[in-house]
Amino acid sequence: MGAAEDSELVQETLNFITTKSKDQDIFYFFMGVGANFKGRRPLTKYFQEQYDVVSNLTLVGNTCY
């Protein structure tokens, strides 16, 4: 999913992160899209715009004792 070169498919992948992916898989989606030359800028923009949503997904349940 992260290797898509079509901008619409990259956007669909980014939307999938917050709607259908499991919390433990978010990291892999970011790595996949980030490794894609055509996905880096959309990923950065998405992360900036959706920071509150993404940070809540990744931080929920991650407590250190």
PDB file of N, CA and C in Angstrom:
ATOM      1  N   MET A   1       0.813  -1.191   0.000  1.00  0.00           N
ATOM      2  CA  MET A   1       0.000   0.000   0.000  1.00  0.00           C
ATOM      3  C   MET A   1       0.860   1.260   0.000  1.00  0.00           C
ATOM      4  N   GLY A   2       1.981   1.216   0.670  1.00  0.00           N
ATOM      5  CA  GLY A   2       2.830   2.387   0.757  1.00  0.00           C
ATOM      6  C   GLY A   2       3.626   2.663  -0.498  1.00  0.00           C
ATOM      7  N   ALA A   3       3.694   1.705  -1.418  1.00  0.00           N
ATOM      8  CA  ALA A   3       4.497   1.858  -2.623  1.00  0.00           C
ATOM      9  C   ALA A   3       3.714   2.456  -3.790  1.00  0.00           C
ATOM     10  N   ALA A   4       2.460   2.813  -3.579  1.00  0.00           N
ATOM     11  CA  ALA A   4       1.644   3.371  -4.663  1.00  0.00           C
ATOM     12  C   ALA A   4       2.240   4.679  -5.162  1.00  0.00           C
ATOM     13  N   GLU A   5       2.258   4.863  -6.478  1.00  0.00           N
ATOM     14  CA  GLU A   5       2.788   6.090  -7.054  1.00  0.00           C
ATOM     15  C   GLU A   5       1.693   7.082  -7.425  1.00  0.00           C
ATOM     16  N   ASP A   6       0.476   6.622  -7.529  1.00  0.00           N
ATOM     17  CA  ASP A   6      -0.659   7.499  -7.832  1.00  0.00           C
ATOM     18  C   ASP A   6      -1.020   8.292  -6.578  1.00  0.00           C
ATOM     19  N   SER A   7      -1.147   9.596  -6.707  1.00  0.00           N
ATOM     20  CA  SER A   7      -1.402  10.451  -5.546  1.00  0.00           C
ATOM     21  C   SER A   7      -2.718  10.117  -4.842  1.00  0.00           C
ATOM     22  N   GLU A   8      -3.725   9.697  -5.611  1.00  0.00           N
ATOM     23  CA  GLU A   8      -4.996   9.317  -5.002  1.00  0.00           C
ATOM     24  C   GLU A   8      -4.851   8.065  -4.152  1.00  0.00           C
ATOM     25  N   LEU A   9      -4.053   7.108  -4.619  1.00  0.00           N
ATOM     26  CA  LEU A   9      -3.835   5.887  -3.851  1.00  0.00           C
ATOM     27  C   LEU A   9      -3.010   6.158  -2.598  1.00  0.00           C
ATOM     28  N   VAL A  10      -2.062   7.069  -2.699  1.00  0.00           N
ATOM     29  CA  VAL A  10      -1.290   7.461  -1.516  1.00  0.00           C
ATOM     30  C   VAL A  10      -2.232   8.081  -0.491  1.00  0.00           C
ATOM     31  N   GLN A  11      -3.130   8.948  -0.934  1.00  0.00           N
ATOM     32  CA  GLN A  11      -4.080   9.584  -0.022  1.00  0.00           C
ATOM     33  C   GLN A  11      -5.015   8.556   0.602  1.00  0.00           C
ATOM     34  N   GLU A  12      -5.455   7.578  -0.168  1.00  0.00           N
ATOM     35  CA  GLU A  12      -6.299   6.515   0.374  1.00  0.00           C
ATOM     36  C   GLU A  12      -5.554   5.725   1.442  1.00  0.00           C
ATOM     37  N   THR A  13      -4.284   5.472   1.206  1.00  0.00           N
ATOM     38  CA  THR A  13      -3.467   4.760   2.196  1.00  0.00           C
ATOM     39  C   THR A  13      -3.372   5.579   3.475  1.00  0.00           C
ATOM     40  N   LEU A  14      -3.147   6.874   3.352  1.00  0.00           N
ATOM     41  CA  LEU A  14      -3.061   7.731   4.531  1.00  0.00           C
ATOM     42  C   LEU A  14      -4.387   7.773   5.282  1.00  0.00           C
ATOM     43  N   ASN A  15      -5.486   7.825   4.580  1.00  0.00           N
ATOM     44  CA  ASN A  15      -6.795   7.809   5.229  1.00  0.00           C
ATOM     45  C   ASN A  15      -7.060   6.469   5.909  1.00  0.00           C
ATOM     46  N   PHE A  16      -6.537   5.409   5.342  1.00  0.00           N
ATOM     47  CA  PHE A  16      -6.693   4.066   5.920  1.00  0.00           C
ATOM     48  C   PHE A  16      -6.039   3.996   7.295  1.00  0.00           C
ATOM     49  N   ILE A  17      -4.951   4.747   7.476  1.00  0.00           N
ATOM     50  CA  ILE A  17      -4.218   4.709   8.735  1.00  0.00           C
ATOM     51  C   ILE A  17      -5.132   5.068   9.902  1.00  0.00           C
ATOM     52  N   THR A  18      -5.898   6.129   9.766  1.00  0.00           N
ATOM     53  CA  THR A  18      -6.721   6.585  10.887  1.00  0.00           C
ATOM     54  C   THR A  18      -8.112   5.968  10.917  1.00  0.00           C
ATOM     55  N   THR A  19      -8.510   5.282   9.863  1.00  0.00           N
ATOM     56  CA  THR A  19      -9.869   4.746   9.859  1.00  0.00           C
ATOM     57  C   THR A  19      -9.938   3.234  10.056  1.00  0.00           C
ATOM     58  N   LYS A  20      -9.004   2.485   9.482  1.00  0.00           N
ATOM     59  CA  LYS A  20      -9.158   1.032   9.493  1.00  0.00           C
ATOM     60  C   LYS A  20      -7.958   0.251  10.005  1.00  0.00           C
ATOM     61  N   SER A  21      -6.804   0.881  10.139  1.00  0.00           N
ATOM     62  CA  SER A  21      -5.630   0.117  10.553  1.00  0.00           C
ATOM     63  C   SER A  21      -5.621  -0.091  12.063  1.00  0.00           C
ATOM     64  N   LYS A  22      -4.939  -1.119  12.480  1.00  0.00           N
ATOM     65  CA  LYS A  22      -4.776  -1.372  13.903  1.00  0.00           C
ATOM     66  C   LYS A  22      -3.677  -0.461  14.435  1.00  0.00           C
ATOM     67  N   ASP A  23      -3.801  -0.103  15.691  1.00  0.00           N
ATOM     68  CA  ASP A  23      -2.848   0.826  16.293  1.00  0.00           C
ATOM     69  C   ASP A  23      -1.406   0.353  16.164  1.00  0.00           C
ATOM     70  N   GLN A  24      -1.181  -0.943  16.339  1.00  0.00           N
ATOM     71  CA  GLN A  24       0.188  -1.458  16.293  1.00  0.00           C
ATOM     72  C   GLN A  24       0.761  -1.474  14.871  1.00  0.00           C
ATOM     73  N   ASP A  25      -0.066  -1.261  13.857  1.00  0.00           N
ATOM     74  CA  ASP A  25       0.395  -1.285  12.472  1.00  0.00           C
ATOM     75  C   ASP A  25       0.672   0.102  11.892  1.00  0.00           C
ATOM     76  N   ILE A  26       0.340   1.148  12.619  1.00  0.00           N
ATOM     77  CA  ILE A  26       0.509   2.510  12.115  1.00  0.00           C
ATOM     78  C   ILE A  26       1.952   2.774  11.725  1.00  0.00           C
ATOM     79  N   PHE A  27       2.862   2.323  12.538  1.00  0.00           N
ATOM     80  CA  PHE A  27       4.290   2.515  12.270  1.00  0.00           C
ATOM     81  C   PHE A  27       4.675   1.967  10.900  1.00  0.00           C
ATOM     82  N   TYR A  28       4.160   0.790  10.553  1.00  0.00           N
ATOM     83  CA  TYR A  28       4.505   0.164   9.276  1.00  0.00           C
ATOM     84  C   TYR A  28       3.947   0.944   8.091  1.00  0.00           C
ATOM     85  N   PHE A  29       2.771   1.525   8.253  1.00  0.00           N
ATOM     86  CA  PHE A  29       2.213   2.350   7.192  1.00  0.00           C
ATOM     87  C   PHE A  29       3.065   3.597   6.969  1.00  0.00           C
ATOM     88  N   PHE A  30       3.468   4.242   8.066  1.00  0.00           N
ATOM     89  CA  PHE A  30       4.315   5.422   7.933  1.00  0.00           C
ATOM     90  C   PHE A  30       5.655   5.074   7.308  1.00  0.00           C
ATOM     91  N   MET A  31       6.220   3.957   7.665  1.00  0.00           N
ATOM     92  CA  MET A  31       7.494   3.537   7.076  1.00  0.00           C
ATOM     93  C   MET A  31       7.329   3.251   5.581  1.00  0.00           C
ATOM     94  N   GLY A  32       6.253   2.580   5.211  1.00  0.00           N
ATOM     95  CA  GLY A  32       6.023   2.243   3.808  1.00  0.00           C
ATOM     96  C   GLY A  32       5.812   3.462   2.938  1.00  0.00           C
ATOM     97  N   VAL A  33       4.975   4.374   3.390  1.00  0.00           N
ATOM     98  CA  VAL A  33       4.712   5.586   2.614  1.00  0.00           C
ATOM     99  C   VAL A  33       5.942   6.494   2.628  1.00  0.00           C
ATOM    100  N   GLY A  34       6.645   6.544   3.754  1.00  0.00           N
ATOM    101  CA  GLY A  34       7.838   7.371   3.847  1.00  0.00           C
ATOM    102  C   GLY A  34       8.970   6.892   2.957  1.00  0.00           C
ATOM    103  N   ALA A  35       9.019   5.608   2.686  1.00  0.00           N
ATOM    104  CA  ALA A  35      10.044   5.053   1.805  1.00  0.00           C
ATOM    105  C   ALA A  35       9.730   5.312   0.336  1.00  0.00           C
ATOM    106  N   ASN A  36       8.503   5.672   0.051  1.00  0.00           N
ATOM    107  CA  ASN A  36       8.054   5.959  -1.310  1.00  0.00           C
ATOM    108  C   ASN A  36       8.376   7.419  -1.640  1.00  0.00           C
ATOM    109  N   PHE A  37       9.157   7.629  -2.691  1.00  0.00           N
ATOM    110  CA  PHE A  37       9.557   8.982  -3.086  1.00  0.00           C
ATOM    111  C   PHE A  37       8.352   9.888  -3.319  1.00  0.00           C
ATOM    112  N   LYS A  38       7.303   9.357  -3.929  1.00  0.00           N
ATOM    113  CA  LYS A  38       6.119  10.165  -4.229  1.00  0.00           C
ATOM    114  C   LYS A  38       5.154  10.259  -3.048  1.00  0.00           C
ATOM    115  N   GLY A  39       5.452   9.570  -1.977  1.00  0.00           N
ATOM    116  CA  GLY A  39       4.573   9.607  -0.819  1.00  0.00           C
ATOM    117  C   GLY A  39       5.088  10.449   0.325  1.00  0.00           C
ATOM    118  N   ARG A  40       6.324  10.917   0.253  1.00  0.00           N
ATOM    119  CA  ARG A  40       6.928  11.645   1.375  1.00  0.00           C
ATOM    120  C   ARG A  40       6.242  12.972   1.674  1.00  0.00           C
ATOM    121  N   ARG A  41       6.046  13.778   0.664  1.00  0.00           N
ATOM    122  CA  ARG A  41       5.408  15.085   0.907  1.00  0.00           C
ATOM    123  C   ARG A  41       3.959  14.924   1.371  1.00  0.00           C
ATOM    124  N   PRO A  42       3.163  14.066   0.714  1.00  0.00           N
ATOM    125  CA  PRO A  42       1.796  13.876   1.223  1.00  0.00           C
ATOM    126  C   PRO A  42       1.782  13.318   2.655  1.00  0.00           C
ATOM    127  N   LEU A  43       2.736  12.466   2.986  1.00  0.00           N
ATOM    128  CA  LEU A  43       2.815  11.922   4.338  1.00  0.00           C
ATOM    129  C   LEU A  43       3.115  13.027   5.347  1.00  0.00           C
ATOM    130  N   THR A  44       4.041  13.895   5.013  1.00  0.00           N
ATOM    131  CA  THR A  44       4.392  14.994   5.908  1.00  0.00           C
ATOM    132  C   THR A  44       3.199  15.921   6.112  1.00  0.00           C
ATOM    133  N   LYS A  45       2.533  16.269   5.030  1.00  0.00           N
ATOM    134  CA  LYS A  45       1.356  17.143   5.114  1.00  0.00           C
ATOM    135  C   LYS A  45       0.252  16.477   5.924  1.00  0.00           C
ATOM    136  N   TYR A  46       0.013  15.196   5.674  1.00  0.00           N
ATOM    137  CA  TYR A  46      -1.012  14.446   6.405  1.00  0.00           C
ATOM    138  C   TYR A  46      -0.687  14.404   7.893  1.00  0.00           C
ATOM    139  N   PHE A  47       0.565  14.136   8.215  1.00  0.00           N
ATOM    140  CA  PHE A  47       0.975  14.048   9.613  1.00  0.00           C
ATOM    141  C   PHE A  47       0.785  15.390  10.320  1.00  0.00           C
ATOM    142  N   GLN A  48       1.113  16.481   9.648  1.00  0.00           N
ATOM    143  CA  GLN A  48       0.941  17.806  10.241  1.00  0.00           C
ATOM    144  C   GLN A  48      -0.540  18.124  10.465  1.00  0.00           C
ATOM    145  N   GLU A  49      -1.369  17.800   9.487  1.00  0.00           N
ATOM    146  CA  GLU A  49      -2.791  18.112   9.583  1.00  0.00           C
ATOM    147  C   GLU A  49      -3.529  17.205  10.555  1.00  0.00           C
ATOM    148  N   GLN A  50      -3.104  15.966  10.659  1.00  0.00           N
ATOM    149  CA  GLN A  50      -3.791  14.972  11.478  1.00  0.00           C
ATOM    150  C   GLN A  50      -3.007  14.595  12.735  1.00  0.00           C
ATOM    151  N   TYR A  51      -2.126  15.478  13.182  1.00  0.00           N
ATOM    152  CA  TYR A  51      -1.240  15.142  14.299  1.00  0.00           C
ATOM    153  C   TYR A  51      -2.010  14.705  15.542  1.00  0.00           C
ATOM    154  N   ASP A  52      -3.058  15.429  15.912  1.00  0.00           N
ATOM    155  CA  ASP A  52      -3.819  15.084  17.108  1.00  0.00           C
ATOM    156  C   ASP A  52      -4.435  13.696  17.003  1.00  0.00           C
ATOM    157  N   VAL A  53      -4.975  13.370  15.844  1.00  0.00           N
ATOM    158  CA  VAL A  53      -5.590  12.056  15.638  1.00  0.00           C
ATOM    159  C   VAL A  53      -4.533  10.959  15.680  1.00  0.00           C
ATOM    160  N   VAL A  54      -3.441  11.154  14.964  1.00  0.00           N
ATOM    161  CA  VAL A  54      -2.394  10.137  14.884  1.00  0.00           C
ATOM    162  C   VAL A  54      -1.711   9.959  16.236  1.00  0.00           C
ATOM    163  N   SER A  55      -1.444  11.033  16.934  1.00  0.00           N
ATOM    164  CA  SER A  55      -0.776  10.912  18.227  1.00  0.00           C
ATOM    165  C   SER A  55      -1.665  10.203  19.237  1.00  0.00           C
ATOM    166  N   ASN A  56      -2.966  10.411  19.170  1.00  0.00           N
ATOM    167  CA  ASN A  56      -3.873   9.682  20.068  1.00  0.00           C
ATOM    168  C   ASN A  56      -3.900   8.193  19.743  1.00  0.00           C
ATOM    169  N   LEU A  57      -3.814   7.852  18.483  1.00  0.00           N
ATOM    170  CA  LEU A  57      -3.794   6.443  18.109  1.00  0.00           C
ATOM    171  C   LEU A  57      -2.542   5.750  18.588  1.00  0.00           C
ATOM    172  N   THR A  58      -1.417   6.431  18.507  1.00  0.00           N
ATOM    173  CA  THR A  58      -0.146   5.789  18.847  1.00  0.00           C
ATOM    174  C   THR A  58       0.179   5.868  20.329  1.00  0.00           C
ATOM    175  N   LEU A  59      -0.415   6.809  21.060  1.00  0.00           N
ATOM    176  CA  LEU A  59      -0.070   6.974  22.464  1.00  0.00           C
ATOM    177  C   LEU A  59      -1.033   6.277  23.414  1.00  0.00           C
ATOM    178  N   VAL A  60      -2.210   5.907  22.954  1.00  0.00           N
ATOM    179  CA  VAL A  60      -3.184   5.254  23.820  1.00  0.00           C
ATOM    180  C   VAL A  60      -2.654   3.890  24.229  1.00  0.00           C
ATOM    181  N   GLY A  61      -2.607   3.681  25.510  1.00  0.00           N
ATOM    182  CA  GLY A  61      -2.178   2.376  26.012  1.00  0.00           C
ATOM    183  C   GLY A  61      -0.681   2.204  26.110  1.00  0.00           C
ATOM    184  N   ASN A  62       0.104   3.173  25.720  1.00  0.00           N
ATOM    185  CA  ASN A  62       1.552   3.072  25.809  1.00  0.00           C
ATOM    186  C   ASN A  62       2.038   3.772  27.068  1.00  0.00           C
ATOM    187  N   THR A  63       1.926   3.095  28.174  1.00  0.00           N
ATOM    188  CA  THR A  63       2.386   3.681  29.431  1.00  0.00           C
ATOM    189  C   THR A  63       3.599   2.931  29.911  1.00  0.00           C
ATOM    190  N   CYS A  64       4.518   3.660  30.495  1.00  0.00           N
ATOM    191  CA  CYS A  64       5.731   3.058  31.043  1.00  0.00           C
ATOM    192  C   CYS A  64       5.588   2.951  32.552  1.00  0.00           C
ATOM    193  N   TYR A  65       5.985   1.833  33.067  1.00  0.00           N
ATOM    194  CA  TYR A  65       5.926   1.638  34.517  1.00  0.00           C
ATOM    195  C   TYR A  65       7.321   1.507  35.058  1.00  0.00           C
TER     196      TYR A  65
END
